[in-house]
């Protein structure tokens, strides 16, 4: 069964003059999808597969790019991808488990006679939530310029807003290697509850962390957020694995952080308190909104 996919782009800010334009007589369009937690997907509207910069851009019967238009009003472009699940590396399991949620996508034009990756950039964007309708998927998104429409700023509170083990400027800076473990499942109760009886860490060590399977039917799917971790190695996740895990499935698991000062003090040996981002002593509303008065009575 051949896949029929459609990629749409509309709206968006006017693009600056391009330094390179693909040859019009041999011009084709290509799409590169880069999920957050999986390998990239490469697609082209050319009737044959193309190898570009060491990557194979897949072409199957029915691919159709319906165009991209730009305006000068700084409205974000809309990007849509739909097709039949199971074609060109876009599997039903990957779509249903959220692998493509938040993925970056890049559309560019090039020449099929001498293809060059990103030769004539068309647009770049971010996918939103992927949905399944029977055996068809639909993924919508917006161009990166939509970042200009987002409200930014810090929210102050007692909980640390940083991503655990984030290495960005001003981030958590906890060592991700030291806080990551591997193992295999020894018991499976359901898609959300499983156990590794060899784990000896204290209860809740991995609470609010993530687990990702590296073998078995769920290998390659996105990490699952851990709801609870028991001292006997039982893991409970918020969302169920797409496939029922099996005994012997291997995994990697990242320690969790409950965003408390005690986590910086205890989970990483107390050496990370300097990077704690919470504000524990902000006065509540009734205090800072209190009307002042003189001390005389």
Protein backbone atom coordinates (compact mmCIF):
# COMPACT_ATOMS: atom_id res chain seq x y z
CA UNK A 1 0.00 0.00 0.00
CA UNK A 2 1.58 3.25 -1.10
CA UNK A 3 1.50 6.27 1.16
CA UNK A 4 -0.12 9.52 0.17
CA UNK A 5 1.31 12.45 2.09
CA UNK A 6 0.62 16.15 1.88
CA UNK A 7 2.79 18.93 3.22
CA UNK A 8 1.30 22.41 3.37
CA UNK A 9 2.86 25.73 4.25
CA UNK A 10 0.97 29.01 4.32
CA UNK A 11 1.41 32.44 5.83
CA UNK A 12 4.60 33.58 7.51
CA UNK A 13 6.86 36.58 7.44
CA UNK A 14 8.47 37.68 4.21
CA UNK A 15 11.80 35.94 3.67
CA UNK A 16 15.04 37.85 3.02
CA UNK A 17 16.59 37.57 -0.42
CA UNK A 18 18.05 34.10 -0.79
CA UNK A 19 21.73 33.61 -1.48
CA UNK A 20 21.07 30.42 -3.44
CA UNK A 21 18.11 29.38 -5.56
CA UNK A 22 17.65 25.84 -6.86
CA UNK A 23 17.71 25.42 -10.64
CA UNK A 24 14.06 25.92 -11.73
CA UNK A 25 14.16 23.27 -14.46
CA UNK A 26 15.18 20.48 -12.02
CA UNK A 27 13.72 21.93 -8.80
CA UNK A 28 12.33 19.55 -6.14
CA UNK A 29 11.25 19.97 -2.52
CA UNK A 30 12.54 18.01 0.47
CA UNK A 31 11.45 17.75 4.09
CA UNK A 32 13.63 16.82 7.07
CA UNK A 33 11.90 15.98 10.38
CA UNK A 34 14.05 15.92 13.52
CA UNK A 35 12.14 14.44 16.50
CA UNK A 36 13.29 15.25 20.01
CA UNK A 37 13.96 11.63 21.00
CA UNK A 38 14.33 9.65 17.78
CA UNK A 39 16.19 9.58 14.50
CA UNK A 40 15.43 12.04 11.72
CA UNK A 41 12.95 11.33 8.90
CA UNK A 42 13.83 12.39 5.34
CA UNK A 43 11.19 12.86 2.61
CA UNK A 44 11.20 14.21 -0.94
CA UNK A 45 8.62 14.85 -3.65
CA UNK A 46 10.97 13.45 -6.32
CA UNK A 47 9.74 10.11 -7.77
CA UNK A 48 12.93 8.33 -6.69
CA UNK A 49 14.88 8.18 -3.42
CA UNK A 50 17.72 10.69 -3.25
CA UNK A 51 20.94 10.50 -1.23
CA UNK A 52 21.76 14.00 -0.02
CA UNK A 53 24.70 14.68 2.33
CA UNK A 54 24.74 11.02 3.34
CA UNK A 55 20.99 10.92 4.12
CA UNK A 56 18.46 9.00 2.03
CA UNK A 57 15.41 11.16 1.30
CA UNK A 58 12.57 8.71 0.73
CA UNK A 59 10.03 9.00 -2.04
CA UNK A 60 6.93 6.83 -2.34
CA UNK A 61 3.98 7.02 -4.66
CA UNK A 62 1.63 9.89 -3.80
CA UNK A 63 3.88 12.43 -2.08
CA UNK A 64 2.67 15.92 -2.81
CA UNK A 65 3.93 19.30 -1.66
CA UNK A 66 1.13 21.83 -2.07
CA UNK A 67 3.24 24.94 -1.78
CA UNK A 68 4.35 27.63 0.62
CA UNK A 69 3.45 31.32 0.62
CA UNK A 70 4.87 34.21 2.63
CA UNK A 71 3.42 37.55 3.67
CA UNK A 72 4.86 40.66 5.28
CA UNK A 73 2.63 40.75 8.36
CA UNK A 74 4.78 38.45 10.53
CA UNK A 75 2.00 35.87 10.79
CA UNK A 76 3.45 32.40 11.46
CA UNK A 77 3.38 29.88 8.65
CA UNK A 78 1.20 26.82 9.10
CA UNK A 79 2.74 23.43 8.41
CA UNK A 80 0.75 20.24 7.93
CA UNK A 81 1.84 16.69 7.26
CA UNK A 82 -0.58 13.85 6.73
CA UNK A 83 -0.29 10.38 5.30
CA UNK A 84 -0.64 6.67 5.94
CA UNK A 85 0.98 5.38 9.12
CA UNK A 86 3.71 2.86 8.48
CA UNK A 87 5.23 4.51 5.41
CA UNK A 88 8.60 6.24 5.10
CA UNK A 89 9.61 5.52 8.68
CA UNK A 90 6.58 7.24 10.22
CA UNK A 91 5.13 4.29 12.11
CA UNK A 92 1.82 4.11 13.92
CA UNK A 93 3.63 3.37 17.19
CA UNK A 94 5.87 6.43 16.84
CA UNK A 95 2.94 8.74 16.08
CA UNK A 96 0.76 7.36 18.89
CA UNK A 97 3.53 7.53 21.48
CA UNK A 98 4.28 11.17 20.70
CA UNK A 99 7.70 10.82 19.06
CA UNK A 100 6.83 13.57 16.55
CA UNK A 101 5.29 15.97 19.09
CA UNK A 102 7.49 19.06 19.17
CA UNK A 103 9.74 17.84 16.36
CA UNK A 104 11.64 20.38 14.26
CA UNK A 105 10.96 20.32 10.52
CA UNK A 106 12.89 21.90 7.67
CA UNK A 107 11.63 22.32 4.10
CA UNK A 108 14.12 23.19 1.37
CA UNK A 109 14.39 23.15 -2.40
CA UNK A 110 17.23 21.68 -4.42
CA UNK A 111 17.98 20.19 -7.82
CA UNK A 112 17.42 16.50 -8.41
CA UNK A 113 20.35 16.51 -10.85
CA UNK A 114 22.83 17.61 -8.17
CA UNK A 115 20.98 17.66 -4.82
CA UNK A 116 22.39 19.67 -1.92
CA UNK A 117 20.87 19.59 1.55
CA UNK A 118 19.36 22.96 2.60
CA UNK A 119 20.41 24.49 -0.74
CA UNK A 120 17.39 26.82 -0.91
CA UNK A 121 15.72 27.02 2.52
CA UNK A 122 11.95 27.39 2.29
CA UNK A 123 10.88 27.38 5.92
CA UNK A 124 11.63 25.85 9.31
CA UNK A 125 9.03 25.00 11.91
CA UNK A 126 7.95 23.05 14.95
CA UNK A 127 5.32 20.33 14.90
CA UNK A 128 2.54 20.29 17.44
CA UNK A 129 0.44 17.34 18.57
CA UNK A 130 0.28 14.38 16.20
CA UNK A 131 -3.06 12.63 15.82
CA UNK A 132 -4.15 9.30 14.39
CA UNK A 133 -7.35 8.72 12.42
CA UNK A 134 -7.63 4.99 11.77
CA UNK A 135 -4.42 4.26 9.85
CA UNK A 136 -3.83 7.87 8.81
CA UNK A 137 -1.84 10.42 10.76
CA UNK A 138 -1.97 14.21 10.79
CA UNK A 139 0.68 16.47 12.25
CA UNK A 140 0.27 20.24 12.35
CA UNK A 141 2.77 22.91 13.29
CA UNK A 142 3.94 26.49 12.87
CA UNK A 143 7.09 28.13 11.59
CA UNK A 144 9.87 29.16 13.95
CA UNK A 145 8.88 32.82 13.57
CA UNK A 146 5.89 32.03 15.79
CA UNK A 147 8.36 32.40 18.67
CA UNK A 148 7.82 36.14 18.23
CA UNK A 149 4.19 35.65 19.28
CA UNK A 150 5.03 33.84 22.50
CA UNK A 151 4.88 35.55 25.88
CA UNK A 152 8.23 35.15 27.60
CA UNK A 153 9.43 35.88 31.09
CA UNK A 154 10.24 34.20 34.36
CA UNK A 155 7.69 32.93 36.83
CA UNK A 156 8.90 33.08 40.41
CA UNK A 157 7.88 30.44 42.91
CA UNK A 158 9.16 28.01 45.50
CA UNK A 159 9.67 25.19 42.98
CA UNK A 160 12.76 25.20 40.78
CA UNK A 161 11.76 25.89 37.14
CA UNK A 162 14.89 24.33 35.62
CA UNK A 163 15.05 21.05 33.73
CA UNK A 164 16.91 18.43 35.76
CA UNK A 165 20.39 17.86 34.26
CA UNK A 166 19.85 20.69 31.77
CA UNK A 167 23.21 21.92 30.49
CA UNK A 168 22.03 25.21 28.97
CA UNK A 169 23.35 28.56 30.22
CA UNK A 170 22.09 29.06 33.77
CA UNK A 171 20.62 25.55 33.78
CA UNK A 172 20.58 22.81 36.39
CA UNK A 173 24.07 21.57 35.43
CA UNK A 174 23.70 18.25 37.26
CA UNK A 175 25.68 15.55 35.46
CA UNK A 176 23.28 13.54 33.23
CA UNK A 177 25.71 10.62 32.98
CA UNK A 178 26.01 10.26 36.76
CA UNK A 179 22.22 10.39 37.10
CA UNK A 180 21.39 7.84 34.39
CA UNK A 181 21.18 4.09 34.98
CA UNK A 182 20.48 1.09 32.77
CA UNK A 183 18.88 -2.27 33.46
CA UNK A 184 16.36 -4.88 32.33
CA UNK A 185 12.81 -5.58 33.46
CA UNK A 186 12.20 -8.59 35.69
CA UNK A 187 8.44 -8.20 36.20
CA UNK A 188 5.66 -6.64 34.11
CA UNK A 189 2.19 -5.90 35.49
CA UNK A 190 0.80 -3.56 32.80
CA UNK A 191 1.84 -0.91 30.32
CA UNK A 192 2.30 1.55 33.20
CA UNK A 193 3.64 -0.69 35.97
CA UNK A 194 6.81 -2.79 35.69
CA UNK A 195 9.76 -3.71 37.88
CA UNK A 196 13.49 -4.32 37.93
CA UNK A 197 14.13 -6.27 41.12
CA UNK A 198 17.89 -5.65 40.89
CA UNK A 199 17.51 -1.93 41.57
CA UNK A 200 18.71 -1.00 45.07
CA UNK A 201 18.07 2.76 45.13
CA UNK A 202 15.86 4.33 47.79
CA UNK A 203 12.18 4.88 47.06
CA UNK A 204 11.36 7.91 44.87
CA UNK A 205 14.93 8.18 43.55
CA UNK A 206 13.54 8.05 40.04
CA UNK A 207 10.20 9.72 40.81
CA UNK A 208 9.53 12.51 38.28
CA UNK A 209 12.33 11.10 36.13
CA UNK A 210 12.04 9.31 32.80
CA UNK A 211 12.45 5.79 31.48
CA UNK A 212 13.11 4.86 27.85
CA UNK A 213 13.24 1.34 26.46
CA UNK A 214 16.28 0.39 24.39
CA UNK A 215 15.13 -3.10 23.38
CA UNK A 216 11.84 -4.85 22.84
CA UNK A 217 8.75 -3.57 21.05
CA UNK A 218 9.01 -0.07 22.62
CA UNK A 219 12.63 0.53 21.63
CA UNK A 220 13.09 3.93 20.02
CA UNK A 221 9.83 5.41 21.32
CA UNK A 222 9.84 8.52 23.46
CA UNK A 223 10.81 8.40 27.19
CA UNK A 224 7.98 7.96 29.68
CA UNK A 225 7.65 10.21 32.72
CA UNK A 226 7.81 8.29 35.99
CA UNK A 227 4.95 8.84 38.41
CA UNK A 228 6.27 6.72 41.28
CA UNK A 229 9.32 4.62 42.11
CA UNK A 230 9.28 2.03 44.93
CA UNK A 231 12.26 0.69 46.84
CA UNK A 232 11.75 -2.79 45.34
CA UNK A 233 12.38 -1.41 41.85
CA UNK A 234 8.74 -1.00 40.80
CA UNK A 235 8.22 1.81 38.32
CA UNK A 236 4.83 3.43 37.65
CA UNK A 237 4.54 5.82 34.71
CA UNK A 238 1.94 8.49 33.96
CA UNK A 239 1.39 7.32 30.39
CA UNK A 240 1.36 3.72 29.31
CA UNK A 241 3.94 2.30 26.93
CA UNK A 242 2.56 1.90 23.42
CA UNK A 243 3.29 -1.85 23.48
CA UNK A 244 3.10 -4.02 26.60
CA UNK A 245 6.70 -4.33 27.87
CA UNK A 246 8.19 -7.78 28.30
CA UNK A 247 10.49 -9.31 30.90
CA UNK A 248 14.04 -8.84 29.66
CA UNK A 249 13.41 -5.51 27.93
CA UNK A 250 16.37 -3.21 28.55
CA UNK A 251 16.00 0.47 29.46
CA UNK A 252 17.78 3.65 30.40
CA UNK A 253 16.38 5.64 33.31
CA UNK A 254 17.11 9.21 34.42
CA UNK A 255 16.82 10.17 38.07
CA UNK A 256 13.94 12.48 38.89
CA UNK A 257 13.76 15.85 40.58
CA UNK A 258 10.76 17.12 42.54
CA UNK A 259 11.98 20.72 42.11
CA UNK A 260 12.68 21.15 45.82
CA UNK A 261 15.80 22.54 47.50
CA UNK A 262 16.18 19.19 49.26
CA UNK A 263 16.63 17.54 45.87
CA UNK A 264 19.67 19.70 45.16
CA UNK A 265 20.96 18.93 48.65
CA UNK A 266 20.36 15.17 48.63
CA UNK A 267 20.05 13.81 45.08
CA UNK A 268 23.28 15.29 43.75
CA UNK A 269 25.33 15.30 46.93
CA UNK A 270 24.55 18.88 47.97
CA UNK A 271 26.91 20.22 45.31
CA UNK A 272 24.14 21.65 43.16
CA UNK A 273 22.45 24.04 45.61
CA UNK A 274 24.13 26.99 43.89
CA UNK A 275 22.08 26.17 40.75
CA UNK A 276 18.73 25.89 42.55
CA UNK A 277 16.26 28.15 40.76
CA UNK A 278 13.39 28.30 43.25
CA UNK A 279 12.50 31.23 45.52
CA UNK A 280 11.49 29.89 48.91
CA UNK A 281 11.01 33.17 50.76
CA UNK A 282 8.81 35.21 48.45
CA UNK A 283 6.03 36.78 50.59
CA UNK A 284 2.49 35.72 49.82
CA UNK A 285 -0.13 38.06 48.40
CA UNK A 286 -1.61 39.06 51.75
CA UNK A 287 1.82 40.25 52.87
CA UNK A 288 3.03 42.29 49.91
CA UNK A 289 -0.44 43.78 49.29
CA UNK A 290 -0.90 44.83 52.94
CA UNK A 291 -1.60 48.52 53.32
CA UNK A 292 1.02 50.29 55.42
CA UNK A 293 0.08 52.34 58.49
CA UNK A 294 1.81 54.31 61.20
CA UNK A 295 2.82 52.70 64.46
CA UNK A 296 1.00 55.28 66.59
CA UNK A 297 -2.38 54.27 68.02
